[in-house]
């Protein structure tokens, strides 16, 4: 019991420390007056579609770490997801469809923020909170529902606010992420149920 309390306390300290480091780094960039330069640098790298393909896959470690009830793991995964847009070098050439997608995204983000846009933006942290809660409480079925709802909403948002060509350029990454996440979560659910059935067999036979 004492070891469990110590681990939880360490988890909280590491989580708070990680968030503090992220906030410190953001404040340091803002203090140097190089925010615009950093955003331009990151946005250029965002044109690399490899970041589009890996981003949905961060759902898997997020779900696993929530299932293991590792708060620090969850925080690290969210930080990795947020920074993944500039992990890869900016491409020498981008297709017109990719450019259309990113132009639409940039226009959306830089336009006036109305109430409905704020509410849509709040869906992002709320979705991760719901996803974390579902797997933290070991409710894989609810977690699977949240994953599908989140990715399908993202696909719908892309088609609504981007051009058709731009949305189609984003669609393969979103669909691949959805298929991989669904397949692995369903596989884990099946393994858990199979394990539960095996443990219950001796009791049923004994009865």
N, C-alpha and C. Protein backbone atom coordinates (compact mmCIF):
# COMPACT_ATOMS: atom_id res chain seq x y z
N UNK A 1 0.84 -1.21 0.00
CA UNK A 1 0.00 0.00 0.00
C UNK A 1 0.87 1.26 0.00
N UNK A 2 1.93 1.24 0.83
CA UNK A 2 2.84 2.39 0.90
C UNK A 2 3.54 2.60 -0.43
N UNK A 3 3.93 1.48 -1.09
CA UNK A 3 4.59 1.58 -2.40
C UNK A 3 3.64 2.21 -3.43
N UNK A 4 2.36 1.82 -3.36
CA UNK A 4 1.37 2.35 -4.30
C UNK A 4 1.20 3.86 -4.12
N UNK A 5 1.15 4.30 -2.87
CA UNK A 5 1.02 5.73 -2.59
C UNK A 5 2.24 6.49 -3.08
N UNK A 6 3.43 5.90 -2.89
CA UNK A 6 4.67 6.54 -3.34
C UNK A 6 4.70 6.67 -4.85
N UNK A 7 4.26 5.63 -5.55
CA UNK A 7 4.22 5.66 -7.01
C UNK A 7 3.26 6.73 -7.51
N UNK A 8 2.10 6.84 -6.87
CA UNK A 8 1.12 7.84 -7.27
C UNK A 8 1.66 9.25 -7.03
N UNK A 9 2.35 9.44 -5.91
CA UNK A 9 2.93 10.74 -5.60
C UNK A 9 4.02 11.10 -6.62
N UNK A 10 4.84 10.12 -6.97
CA UNK A 10 5.88 10.33 -7.98
C UNK A 10 5.26 10.66 -9.34
N UNK A 11 4.20 9.96 -9.66
CA UNK A 11 3.49 10.19 -10.92
C UNK A 11 2.99 11.63 -11.00
N UNK A 12 2.41 12.11 -9.91
CA UNK A 12 1.90 13.48 -9.88
C UNK A 12 3.02 14.50 -9.98
N UNK A 13 4.13 14.25 -9.28
CA UNK A 13 5.26 15.18 -9.31
C UNK A 13 5.85 15.26 -10.72
N UNK A 14 6.04 14.11 -11.35
CA UNK A 14 6.60 14.09 -12.70
C UNK A 14 5.66 14.76 -13.71
N UNK A 15 4.37 14.55 -13.53
CA UNK A 15 3.39 15.17 -14.43
C UNK A 15 3.41 16.69 -14.30
N UNK A 16 3.41 17.17 -13.04
CA UNK A 16 3.46 18.61 -12.80
C UNK A 16 4.77 19.20 -13.31
N UNK A 17 5.87 18.49 -13.11
CA UNK A 17 7.16 18.97 -13.59
C UNK A 17 7.22 19.07 -15.10
N UNK A 18 6.66 18.09 -15.78
CA UNK A 18 6.64 18.10 -17.25
C UNK A 18 5.83 19.27 -17.77
N UNK A 19 4.65 19.49 -17.19
CA UNK A 19 3.81 20.61 -17.61
C UNK A 19 4.50 21.94 -17.33
N UNK A 20 5.20 22.02 -16.21
CA UNK A 20 5.92 23.25 -15.88
C UNK A 20 7.03 23.52 -16.89
N UNK A 21 7.74 22.49 -17.32
CA UNK A 21 8.80 22.65 -18.31
C UNK A 21 8.23 23.10 -19.66
N UNK A 22 7.09 22.55 -20.03
CA UNK A 22 6.45 22.95 -21.29
C UNK A 22 6.04 24.41 -21.23
N UNK A 23 5.42 24.82 -20.12
CA UNK A 23 5.01 26.22 -19.97
C UNK A 23 6.22 27.14 -19.94
N UNK A 24 7.30 26.70 -19.30
CA UNK A 24 8.52 27.51 -19.25
C UNK A 24 9.11 27.69 -20.65
N UNK A 25 9.13 26.61 -21.44
CA UNK A 25 9.64 26.69 -22.80
C UNK A 25 8.80 27.64 -23.65
N UNK A 26 7.47 27.55 -23.51
CA UNK A 26 6.59 28.44 -24.26
C UNK A 26 6.79 29.89 -23.85
N UNK A 27 6.95 30.13 -22.55
CA UNK A 27 7.18 31.49 -22.07
C UNK A 27 8.52 32.02 -22.54
N UNK A 28 9.53 31.15 -22.62
CA UNK A 28 10.86 31.56 -23.07
C UNK A 28 10.82 31.99 -24.53
N UNK A 29 10.10 31.24 -25.35
CA UNK A 29 9.96 31.60 -26.76
C UNK A 29 9.25 32.94 -26.90
N UNK A 30 8.18 33.11 -26.12
CA UNK A 30 7.44 34.38 -26.18
C UNK A 30 8.29 35.54 -25.69
N UNK A 31 9.10 35.31 -24.66
CA UNK A 31 9.92 36.39 -24.09
C UNK A 31 11.00 36.86 -25.05
N UNK A 32 11.50 35.96 -25.87
CA UNK A 32 12.55 36.34 -26.83
C UNK A 32 11.99 37.07 -28.04
N UNK A 33 10.67 37.12 -28.15
CA UNK A 33 10.05 37.80 -29.29
C UNK A 33 10.16 37.03 -30.59
N UNK A 34 10.46 35.73 -30.50
CA UNK A 34 10.64 34.92 -31.70
C UNK A 34 9.44 34.00 -31.95
N UNK A 35 8.30 34.37 -31.40
CA UNK A 35 7.12 33.53 -31.55
C UNK A 35 6.74 33.36 -33.01
N UNK A 36 6.72 34.48 -33.76
CA UNK A 36 6.35 34.41 -35.18
C UNK A 36 7.31 33.53 -35.96
N UNK A 37 8.59 33.63 -35.65
CA UNK A 37 9.59 32.81 -36.33
C UNK A 37 9.39 31.33 -36.02
N UNK A 38 9.09 31.05 -34.77
CA UNK A 38 8.88 29.65 -34.38
C UNK A 38 7.63 29.09 -35.06
N UNK A 39 6.56 29.87 -35.09
CA UNK A 39 5.33 29.42 -35.73
C UNK A 39 5.56 29.17 -37.21
N UNK A 40 6.30 30.06 -37.88
CA UNK A 40 6.59 29.89 -39.30
C UNK A 40 7.43 28.62 -39.53
N UNK A 41 8.41 28.41 -38.65
CA UNK A 41 9.25 27.22 -38.75
C UNK A 41 8.44 25.95 -38.56
N UNK A 42 7.56 25.95 -37.54
CA UNK A 42 6.73 24.78 -37.26
C UNK A 42 5.71 24.54 -38.37
N UNK A 43 5.15 25.63 -38.89
CA UNK A 43 4.12 25.48 -39.94
C UNK A 43 4.72 24.93 -41.22
N UNK A 44 5.95 25.31 -41.52
CA UNK A 44 6.62 24.77 -42.71
C UNK A 44 6.80 23.26 -42.57
N UNK A 45 7.15 22.80 -41.38
CA UNK A 45 7.34 21.37 -41.15
C UNK A 45 6.00 20.63 -41.13
N UNK A 46 4.95 21.34 -40.80
CA UNK A 46 3.61 20.74 -40.77
C UNK A 46 3.17 20.30 -42.17
N UNK A 47 3.83 20.81 -43.20
CA UNK A 47 3.52 20.39 -44.57
C UNK A 47 3.98 18.97 -44.86
N UNK A 48 4.83 18.42 -44.00
CA UNK A 48 5.27 17.05 -44.18
C UNK A 48 4.15 16.11 -43.74
N UNK A 49 3.60 15.36 -44.68
CA UNK A 49 2.41 14.55 -44.38
C UNK A 49 2.72 13.39 -43.45
N UNK A 50 4.00 13.09 -43.19
CA UNK A 50 4.31 12.04 -42.22
C UNK A 50 3.73 12.37 -40.85
N UNK A 51 3.73 13.65 -40.50
CA UNK A 51 3.14 14.05 -39.22
C UNK A 51 1.64 13.83 -39.21
N UNK A 52 1.01 13.92 -40.39
CA UNK A 52 -0.43 13.66 -40.48
C UNK A 52 -0.73 12.20 -40.16
N UNK A 53 0.17 11.31 -40.61
CA UNK A 53 -0.08 9.88 -40.43
C UNK A 53 0.21 9.40 -39.01
N UNK A 54 1.20 10.00 -38.35
CA UNK A 54 1.51 9.51 -37.00
C UNK A 54 0.58 10.09 -35.95
N UNK A 55 -0.02 11.26 -36.24
CA UNK A 55 -0.79 11.92 -35.20
C UNK A 55 -1.95 11.07 -34.67
N UNK A 56 -2.78 10.45 -35.54
CA UNK A 56 -3.87 9.63 -34.97
C UNK A 56 -3.36 8.44 -34.16
N UNK A 57 -2.14 7.98 -34.46
CA UNK A 57 -1.61 6.80 -33.77
C UNK A 57 -1.22 7.09 -32.33
N UNK A 58 -1.11 8.37 -31.97
CA UNK A 58 -0.83 8.71 -30.58
C UNK A 58 -1.98 8.32 -29.66
N UNK A 59 -3.13 8.06 -30.26
CA UNK A 59 -4.28 7.63 -29.47
C UNK A 59 -3.96 6.32 -28.75
N UNK A 60 -3.19 5.45 -29.42
CA UNK A 60 -2.91 4.13 -28.85
C UNK A 60 -2.08 4.20 -27.56
N UNK A 61 -0.92 4.87 -27.55
CA UNK A 61 -0.21 4.97 -26.26
C UNK A 61 -1.00 5.75 -25.22
N UNK A 62 -1.78 6.73 -25.65
CA UNK A 62 -2.61 7.48 -24.70
C UNK A 62 -3.59 6.54 -24.01
N UNK A 63 -4.25 5.68 -24.81
CA UNK A 63 -5.22 4.74 -24.25
C UNK A 63 -4.54 3.72 -23.35
N UNK A 64 -3.40 3.22 -23.78
CA UNK A 64 -2.67 2.22 -22.99
C UNK A 64 -2.24 2.79 -21.65
N UNK A 65 -1.69 4.00 -21.67
CA UNK A 65 -1.20 4.61 -20.43
C UNK A 65 -2.34 5.01 -19.51
N UNK A 66 -3.48 5.40 -20.11
CA UNK A 66 -4.65 5.67 -19.28
C UNK A 66 -5.15 4.37 -18.65
N UNK A 67 -5.10 3.28 -19.41
CA UNK A 67 -5.51 1.97 -18.89
C UNK A 67 -4.60 1.54 -17.75
N UNK A 68 -3.31 1.86 -17.88
CA UNK A 68 -2.34 1.54 -16.82
C UNK A 68 -2.36 2.58 -15.70
N UNK A 69 -3.17 3.62 -15.88
CA UNK A 69 -3.34 4.69 -14.89
C UNK A 69 -2.02 5.40 -14.58
N UNK A 70 -1.31 5.72 -15.66
CA UNK A 70 -0.06 6.46 -15.56
C UNK A 70 -0.30 7.90 -16.00
N UNK A 71 -0.46 8.78 -15.04
CA UNK A 71 -0.73 10.17 -15.36
C UNK A 71 0.44 10.81 -16.10
N UNK A 72 1.66 10.49 -15.67
CA UNK A 72 2.83 11.05 -16.34
C UNK A 72 2.93 10.56 -17.78
N UNK A 73 2.60 9.31 -18.00
CA UNK A 73 2.59 8.78 -19.36
C UNK A 73 1.59 9.49 -20.23
N UNK A 74 0.42 9.79 -19.67
CA UNK A 74 -0.61 10.51 -20.41
C UNK A 74 -0.11 11.91 -20.79
N UNK A 75 0.51 12.60 -19.81
CA UNK A 75 1.02 13.95 -20.07
C UNK A 75 2.09 13.92 -21.15
N UNK A 76 3.02 12.98 -21.08
CA UNK A 76 4.07 12.88 -22.09
C UNK A 76 3.49 12.61 -23.47
N UNK A 77 2.46 11.78 -23.54
CA UNK A 77 1.84 11.47 -24.82
C UNK A 77 1.18 12.70 -25.41
N UNK A 78 0.49 13.47 -24.58
CA UNK A 78 -0.16 14.70 -25.07
C UNK A 78 0.88 15.71 -25.56
N UNK A 79 1.99 15.83 -24.83
CA UNK A 79 3.06 16.74 -25.24
C UNK A 79 3.66 16.27 -26.57
N UNK A 80 3.87 14.97 -26.71
CA UNK A 80 4.40 14.43 -27.96
C UNK A 80 3.43 14.67 -29.11
N UNK A 81 2.15 14.49 -28.86
CA UNK A 81 1.14 14.73 -29.89
C UNK A 81 1.14 16.19 -30.32
N UNK A 82 1.22 17.09 -29.35
CA UNK A 82 1.18 18.52 -29.66
C UNK A 82 2.40 18.98 -30.44
N UNK A 83 3.53 18.34 -30.21
CA UNK A 83 4.77 18.77 -30.88
C UNK A 83 5.04 17.99 -32.17
N UNK A 84 4.27 16.94 -32.43
CA UNK A 84 4.57 16.07 -33.57
C UNK A 84 4.43 16.76 -34.91
N UNK A 85 3.74 17.88 -34.94
CA UNK A 85 3.55 18.58 -36.22
C UNK A 85 4.87 19.10 -36.78
N UNK A 86 5.90 19.26 -35.93
CA UNK A 86 7.18 19.75 -36.45
C UNK A 86 8.33 18.77 -36.18
N UNK A 87 8.01 17.50 -36.03
CA UNK A 87 9.06 16.50 -35.87
C UNK A 87 9.85 16.26 -37.15
N UNK A 88 9.15 16.34 -38.28
CA UNK A 88 9.76 15.97 -39.56
C UNK A 88 10.18 17.22 -40.33
N UNK A 89 11.21 17.12 -41.16
CA UNK A 89 11.68 18.29 -41.90
C UNK A 89 10.63 18.76 -42.90
N UNK A 90 10.65 20.04 -43.19
CA UNK A 90 9.71 20.58 -44.18
C UNK A 90 10.04 19.99 -45.54
N UNK A 91 9.04 19.57 -46.29
CA UNK A 91 9.29 18.95 -47.60
C UNK A 91 9.76 19.98 -48.62
N UNK A 92 10.53 19.51 -49.59
CA UNK A 92 10.98 20.41 -50.65
C UNK A 92 9.81 20.84 -51.52
N UNK A 93 8.88 19.93 -51.73
CA UNK A 93 7.71 20.23 -52.55
C UNK A 93 6.47 19.67 -51.87
N UNK A 94 5.39 20.43 -51.89
CA UNK A 94 4.11 19.98 -51.36
C UNK A 94 3.09 19.99 -52.49
N UNK A 95 2.22 19.00 -52.47
CA UNK A 95 1.18 18.95 -53.50
C UNK A 95 0.20 20.09 -53.30
N UNK A 96 -0.49 20.43 -54.36
CA UNK A 96 -1.48 21.52 -54.28
C UNK A 96 -2.59 21.17 -53.31
N UNK A 97 -2.94 19.88 -53.22
CA UNK A 97 -4.00 19.46 -52.30
C UNK A 97 -3.59 19.67 -50.85
N UNK A 98 -2.34 19.33 -50.54
CA UNK A 98 -1.82 19.54 -49.18
C UNK A 98 -1.80 21.02 -48.85
N UNK A 99 -1.35 21.83 -49.80
CA UNK A 99 -1.31 23.27 -49.59
C UNK A 99 -2.71 23.84 -49.36
N UNK A 100 -3.69 23.35 -50.11
CA UNK A 100 -5.07 23.81 -49.94
C UNK A 100 -5.59 23.46 -48.55
N UNK A 101 -5.28 22.26 -48.11
CA UNK A 101 -5.71 21.82 -46.78
C UNK A 101 -5.14 22.73 -45.70
N UNK A 102 -3.84 23.02 -45.79
CA UNK A 102 -3.20 23.82 -44.76
C UNK A 102 -3.58 25.30 -44.83
N UNK A 103 -3.82 25.80 -46.03
CA UNK A 103 -4.30 27.18 -46.16
C UNK A 103 -5.66 27.32 -45.49
N UNK A 104 -6.54 26.34 -45.71
CA UNK A 104 -7.87 26.37 -45.08
C UNK A 104 -7.75 26.29 -43.57
N UNK A 105 -6.83 25.44 -43.10
CA UNK A 105 -6.65 25.30 -41.65
C UNK A 105 -6.12 26.59 -41.04
N UNK A 106 -5.17 27.21 -41.74
CA UNK A 106 -4.60 28.45 -41.21
C UNK A 106 -5.63 29.57 -41.21
N UNK A 107 -6.42 29.66 -42.24
CA UNK A 107 -7.46 30.69 -42.30
C UNK A 107 -8.47 30.50 -41.17
N UNK A 108 -8.79 29.25 -40.90
CA UNK A 108 -9.74 28.96 -39.82
C UNK A 108 -9.17 29.39 -38.47
N UNK A 109 -7.89 29.09 -38.25
CA UNK A 109 -7.28 29.38 -36.96
C UNK A 109 -7.03 30.87 -36.75
N UNK A 110 -6.78 31.60 -37.81
CA UNK A 110 -6.45 33.02 -37.69
C UNK A 110 -7.66 33.94 -37.84
N UNK A 111 -8.78 33.40 -38.27
CA UNK A 111 -9.99 34.23 -38.41
C UNK A 111 -10.57 34.52 -37.03
N UNK A 112 -11.55 35.40 -37.00
CA UNK A 112 -12.19 35.77 -35.73
C UNK A 112 -12.74 34.55 -35.01
N UNK A 113 -12.46 34.50 -33.72
CA UNK A 113 -12.93 33.38 -32.92
C UNK A 113 -14.29 33.69 -32.31
N UNK A 114 -15.31 33.13 -32.95
CA UNK A 114 -16.68 33.30 -32.47
C UNK A 114 -16.95 32.26 -31.38
N UNK A 115 -18.11 32.36 -30.77
CA UNK A 115 -18.47 31.45 -29.69
C UNK A 115 -18.47 30.00 -30.15
N UNK A 116 -19.03 29.75 -31.34
CA UNK A 116 -19.12 28.37 -31.79
C UNK A 116 -17.73 27.78 -32.08
N UNK A 117 -16.79 28.63 -32.52
CA UNK A 117 -15.43 28.14 -32.75
C UNK A 117 -14.75 27.81 -31.43
N UNK A 118 -15.01 28.60 -30.41
CA UNK A 118 -14.46 28.31 -29.08
C UNK A 118 -15.02 26.99 -28.56
N UNK A 119 -16.33 26.78 -28.76
CA UNK A 119 -16.95 25.54 -28.29
C UNK A 119 -16.38 24.33 -29.02
N UNK A 120 -16.14 24.48 -30.33
CA UNK A 120 -15.53 23.38 -31.09
C UNK A 120 -14.13 23.11 -30.59
N UNK A 121 -13.37 24.16 -30.30
CA UNK A 121 -12.01 24.00 -29.80
C UNK A 121 -12.01 23.28 -28.45
N UNK A 122 -13.01 23.56 -27.62
CA UNK A 122 -13.09 22.91 -26.31
C UNK A 122 -13.36 21.42 -26.42
N UNK A 123 -13.87 20.98 -27.59
CA UNK A 123 -14.12 19.56 -27.78
C UNK A 123 -12.82 18.75 -27.73
N UNK A 124 -11.71 19.39 -28.09
CA UNK A 124 -10.44 18.66 -28.11
C UNK A 124 -10.03 18.22 -26.70
N UNK A 125 -9.89 19.14 -25.73
CA UNK A 125 -9.55 18.66 -24.37
C UNK A 125 -10.63 17.79 -23.75
N UNK A 126 -11.89 18.10 -24.08
CA UNK A 126 -12.97 17.28 -23.53
C UNK A 126 -12.93 15.86 -24.07
N UNK A 127 -12.56 15.73 -25.35
CA UNK A 127 -12.45 14.40 -25.94
C UNK A 127 -11.34 13.60 -25.28
N UNK A 128 -10.18 14.24 -25.08
CA UNK A 128 -9.08 13.53 -24.43
C UNK A 128 -9.43 13.19 -22.98
N UNK A 129 -10.16 14.08 -22.32
CA UNK A 129 -10.58 13.79 -20.95
C UNK A 129 -11.52 12.59 -20.92
N UNK A 130 -12.47 12.55 -21.86
CA UNK A 130 -13.40 11.42 -21.92
C UNK A 130 -12.68 10.13 -22.28
N UNK A 131 -11.72 10.23 -23.20
CA UNK A 131 -10.95 9.05 -23.60
C UNK A 131 -10.11 8.53 -22.43
N UNK A 132 -9.45 9.45 -21.74
CA UNK A 132 -8.65 9.05 -20.59
C UNK A 132 -9.49 8.44 -19.50
N UNK A 133 -10.66 9.04 -19.24
CA UNK A 133 -11.55 8.52 -18.19
C UNK A 133 -12.05 7.13 -18.53
N UNK A 134 -12.38 6.93 -19.82
CA UNK A 134 -12.90 5.63 -20.24
C UNK A 134 -11.87 4.52 -20.02
N UNK A 135 -10.63 4.76 -20.44
CA UNK A 135 -9.62 3.71 -20.30
C UNK A 135 -9.09 3.64 -18.86
N UNK A 136 -9.08 4.76 -18.16
CA UNK A 136 -8.66 4.74 -16.75
C UNK A 136 -9.60 3.85 -15.94
N UNK A 137 -10.89 3.91 -16.28
CA UNK A 137 -11.89 3.09 -15.59
C UNK A 137 -12.05 1.71 -16.23
N UNK A 138 -11.17 1.40 -17.20
CA UNK A 138 -11.12 0.10 -17.88
C UNK A 138 -12.40 -0.18 -18.68
N UNK A 139 -13.04 0.88 -19.19
CA UNK A 139 -14.21 0.72 -20.03
C UNK A 139 -13.79 0.86 -21.49
N UNK A 140 -13.29 -0.24 -22.06
CA UNK A 140 -12.73 -0.21 -23.41
C UNK A 140 -13.79 0.08 -24.47
N UNK A 141 -15.01 -0.39 -24.24
CA UNK A 141 -16.06 -0.17 -25.22
C UNK A 141 -16.39 1.32 -25.35
N UNK A 142 -16.49 2.01 -24.22
CA UNK A 142 -16.73 3.45 -24.25
C UNK A 142 -15.53 4.17 -24.86
N UNK A 143 -14.35 3.71 -24.54
CA UNK A 143 -13.15 4.30 -25.13
C UNK A 143 -13.14 4.16 -26.63
N UNK A 144 -13.53 2.99 -27.12
CA UNK A 144 -13.60 2.76 -28.56
C UNK A 144 -14.60 3.70 -29.22
N UNK A 145 -15.72 3.93 -28.54
CA UNK A 145 -16.73 4.85 -29.07
C UNK A 145 -16.19 6.27 -29.15
N UNK A 146 -15.44 6.69 -28.14
CA UNK A 146 -14.86 8.04 -28.14
C UNK A 146 -13.84 8.18 -29.26
N UNK A 147 -13.00 7.18 -29.45
CA UNK A 147 -11.99 7.21 -30.52
C UNK A 147 -12.65 7.39 -31.87
N UNK A 148 -13.68 6.60 -32.15
CA UNK A 148 -14.36 6.68 -33.44
C UNK A 148 -15.06 8.02 -33.63
N UNK A 149 -15.71 8.48 -32.57
CA UNK A 149 -16.41 9.77 -32.67
C UNK A 149 -15.42 10.90 -32.94
N UNK A 150 -14.26 10.88 -32.27
CA UNK A 150 -13.27 11.94 -32.42
C UNK A 150 -12.70 11.98 -33.83
N UNK A 151 -12.29 10.82 -34.35
CA UNK A 151 -11.68 10.79 -35.69
C UNK A 151 -12.70 11.10 -36.76
N UNK A 152 -13.92 10.58 -36.63
CA UNK A 152 -14.96 10.87 -37.63
C UNK A 152 -15.34 12.35 -37.60
N UNK A 153 -15.35 12.96 -36.42
CA UNK A 153 -15.62 14.39 -36.33
C UNK A 153 -14.53 15.18 -37.02
N UNK A 154 -13.28 14.76 -36.84
CA UNK A 154 -12.16 15.43 -37.49
C UNK A 154 -12.29 15.33 -39.00
N UNK A 155 -12.67 14.18 -39.51
CA UNK A 155 -12.86 14.01 -40.96
C UNK A 155 -13.97 14.94 -41.45
N UNK A 156 -15.08 14.98 -40.72
CA UNK A 156 -16.20 15.84 -41.11
C UNK A 156 -15.80 17.30 -41.09
N UNK A 157 -15.05 17.70 -40.05
CA UNK A 157 -14.58 19.09 -39.95
C UNK A 157 -13.71 19.45 -41.14
N UNK A 158 -12.85 18.53 -41.56
CA UNK A 158 -11.95 18.80 -42.67
C UNK A 158 -12.72 19.02 -43.96
N UNK A 159 -13.72 18.19 -44.20
CA UNK A 159 -14.51 18.35 -45.42
C UNK A 159 -15.37 19.60 -45.37
N UNK A 160 -15.75 20.02 -44.17
CA UNK A 160 -16.60 21.20 -44.04
C UNK A 160 -15.81 22.49 -44.25
N UNK A 161 -14.58 22.55 -43.77
CA UNK A 161 -13.84 23.81 -43.78
C UNK A 161 -12.69 23.86 -44.77
N UNK A 162 -12.42 22.76 -45.44
CA UNK A 162 -11.37 22.78 -46.45
C UNK A 162 -11.97 22.54 -47.83
N UNK A 163 -11.15 22.64 -48.85
CA UNK A 163 -11.60 22.31 -50.19
C UNK A 163 -11.71 20.80 -50.31
N UNK A 164 -12.38 20.33 -51.34
CA UNK A 164 -12.52 18.88 -51.52
C UNK A 164 -11.16 18.21 -51.70
N UNK A 165 -10.31 18.84 -52.50
CA UNK A 165 -8.98 18.28 -52.73
C UNK A 165 -8.16 18.27 -51.44
N UNK A 166 -8.26 19.34 -50.67
CA UNK A 166 -7.54 19.40 -49.41
C UNK A 166 -8.02 18.35 -48.43
N UNK A 167 -9.34 18.18 -48.34
CA UNK A 167 -9.90 17.19 -47.43
C UNK A 167 -9.51 15.78 -47.84
N UNK A 168 -9.49 15.53 -49.15
CA UNK A 168 -9.11 14.21 -49.63
C UNK A 168 -7.64 13.90 -49.35
N UNK A 169 -6.80 14.93 -49.32
CA UNK A 169 -5.39 14.70 -49.02
C UNK A 169 -5.19 14.29 -47.56
N UNK A 170 -6.12 14.71 -46.71
CA UNK A 170 -6.04 14.38 -45.28
C UNK A 170 -6.73 13.06 -44.96
N UNK A 171 -7.66 12.64 -45.81
CA UNK A 171 -8.51 11.48 -45.52
C UNK A 171 -7.73 10.18 -45.32
N UNK A 172 -6.74 9.83 -46.17
CA UNK A 172 -6.03 8.56 -45.96
C UNK A 172 -5.39 8.43 -44.59
N UNK A 173 -4.78 9.51 -44.10
CA UNK A 173 -4.13 9.47 -42.78
C UNK A 173 -5.17 9.23 -41.68
N UNK A 174 -6.32 9.91 -41.79
CA UNK A 174 -7.36 9.77 -40.77
C UNK A 174 -7.97 8.37 -40.79
N UNK A 175 -8.23 7.86 -42.00
CA UNK A 175 -8.83 6.52 -42.11
C UNK A 175 -7.86 5.45 -41.63
N UNK A 176 -6.60 5.58 -42.01
CA UNK A 176 -5.60 4.60 -41.56
C UNK A 176 -5.50 4.62 -40.03
N UNK A 177 -5.47 5.81 -39.45
CA UNK A 177 -5.42 5.91 -37.99
C UNK A 177 -6.63 5.27 -37.34
N UNK A 178 -7.81 5.48 -37.93
CA UNK A 178 -9.04 4.90 -37.39
C UNK A 178 -9.00 3.38 -37.45
N UNK A 179 -8.56 2.85 -38.58
CA UNK A 179 -8.52 1.40 -38.77
C UNK A 179 -7.53 0.76 -37.79
N UNK A 180 -6.34 1.34 -37.67
CA UNK A 180 -5.32 0.78 -36.78
C UNK A 180 -5.79 0.83 -35.32
N UNK A 181 -6.34 1.97 -34.91
CA UNK A 181 -6.81 2.11 -33.53
C UNK A 181 -7.94 1.14 -33.23
N UNK A 182 -8.91 1.05 -34.13
CA UNK A 182 -10.03 0.13 -33.93
C UNK A 182 -9.55 -1.31 -33.86
N UNK A 183 -8.64 -1.68 -34.77
CA UNK A 183 -8.18 -3.06 -34.82
C UNK A 183 -7.46 -3.46 -33.54
N UNK A 184 -6.58 -2.60 -33.04
CA UNK A 184 -5.82 -2.93 -31.84
C UNK A 184 -6.68 -2.92 -30.58
N UNK A 185 -7.57 -1.95 -30.49
CA UNK A 185 -8.45 -1.90 -29.31
C UNK A 185 -9.39 -3.10 -29.28
N UNK A 186 -9.95 -3.45 -30.45
CA UNK A 186 -10.82 -4.63 -30.52
C UNK A 186 -10.05 -5.91 -30.22
N UNK A 187 -8.79 -5.97 -30.65
CA UNK A 187 -7.95 -7.14 -30.36
C UNK A 187 -7.73 -7.27 -28.85
N UNK A 188 -7.42 -6.16 -28.20
CA UNK A 188 -7.20 -6.19 -26.76
C UNK A 188 -8.49 -6.58 -26.03
N UNK A 189 -9.61 -6.03 -26.48
CA UNK A 189 -10.89 -6.39 -25.87
C UNK A 189 -11.16 -7.89 -25.99
N UNK A 190 -10.83 -8.44 -27.15
CA UNK A 190 -11.05 -9.87 -27.36
C UNK A 190 -10.14 -10.70 -26.46
N UNK A 191 -8.86 -10.27 -26.32
CA UNK A 191 -7.93 -11.00 -25.46
C UNK A 191 -8.37 -10.95 -24.00
N UNK A 192 -8.86 -9.78 -23.57
CA UNK A 192 -9.31 -9.65 -22.18
C UNK A 192 -10.51 -10.55 -21.91
N UNK A 193 -11.45 -10.55 -22.87
CA UNK A 193 -12.64 -11.40 -22.69
C UNK A 193 -12.28 -12.87 -22.72
N UNK A 194 -11.32 -13.23 -23.60
CA UNK A 194 -10.89 -14.63 -23.65
C UNK A 194 -10.22 -15.04 -22.35
N UNK A 195 -9.41 -14.14 -21.79
CA UNK A 195 -8.77 -14.42 -20.52
C UNK A 195 -9.77 -14.57 -19.40
N UNK A 196 -10.80 -13.73 -19.41
CA UNK A 196 -11.84 -13.81 -18.38
C UNK A 196 -12.60 -15.12 -18.48
N UNK A 197 -12.86 -15.56 -19.71
CA UNK A 197 -13.58 -16.81 -19.91
C UNK A 197 -12.77 -18.00 -19.42
N UNK A 198 -11.45 -17.97 -19.67
CA UNK A 198 -10.59 -19.07 -19.23
C UNK A 198 -10.54 -19.17 -17.71
N UNK A 199 -10.50 -18.02 -17.04
CA UNK A 199 -10.46 -18.01 -15.58
C UNK A 199 -11.77 -18.50 -14.97
N UNK A 200 -12.86 -18.28 -15.69
CA UNK A 200 -14.17 -18.67 -15.14
C UNK A 200 -14.50 -20.13 -15.41
N UNK A 201 -13.81 -20.77 -16.37
CA UNK A 201 -14.11 -22.16 -16.72
C UNK A 201 -13.95 -23.14 -15.55
N UNK A 202 -12.84 -23.11 -14.80
CA UNK A 202 -12.70 -24.08 -13.69
C UNK A 202 -13.82 -23.96 -12.65
N UNK A 203 -14.22 -22.73 -12.36
CA UNK A 203 -15.29 -22.52 -11.38
C UNK A 203 -16.59 -23.10 -11.91
N UNK A 204 -16.88 -22.89 -13.21
CA UNK A 204 -18.11 -23.38 -13.77
C UNK A 204 -18.09 -24.92 -13.79
N UNK A 205 -16.90 -25.50 -14.12
CA UNK A 205 -16.80 -26.96 -14.17
C UNK A 205 -16.96 -27.57 -12.77
N UNK A 206 -16.38 -26.86 -11.79
CA UNK A 206 -16.47 -27.34 -10.40
C UNK A 206 -17.89 -27.32 -9.91
N UNK A 207 -18.66 -26.32 -10.37
CA UNK A 207 -20.04 -26.23 -9.94
C UNK A 207 -20.91 -27.29 -10.58
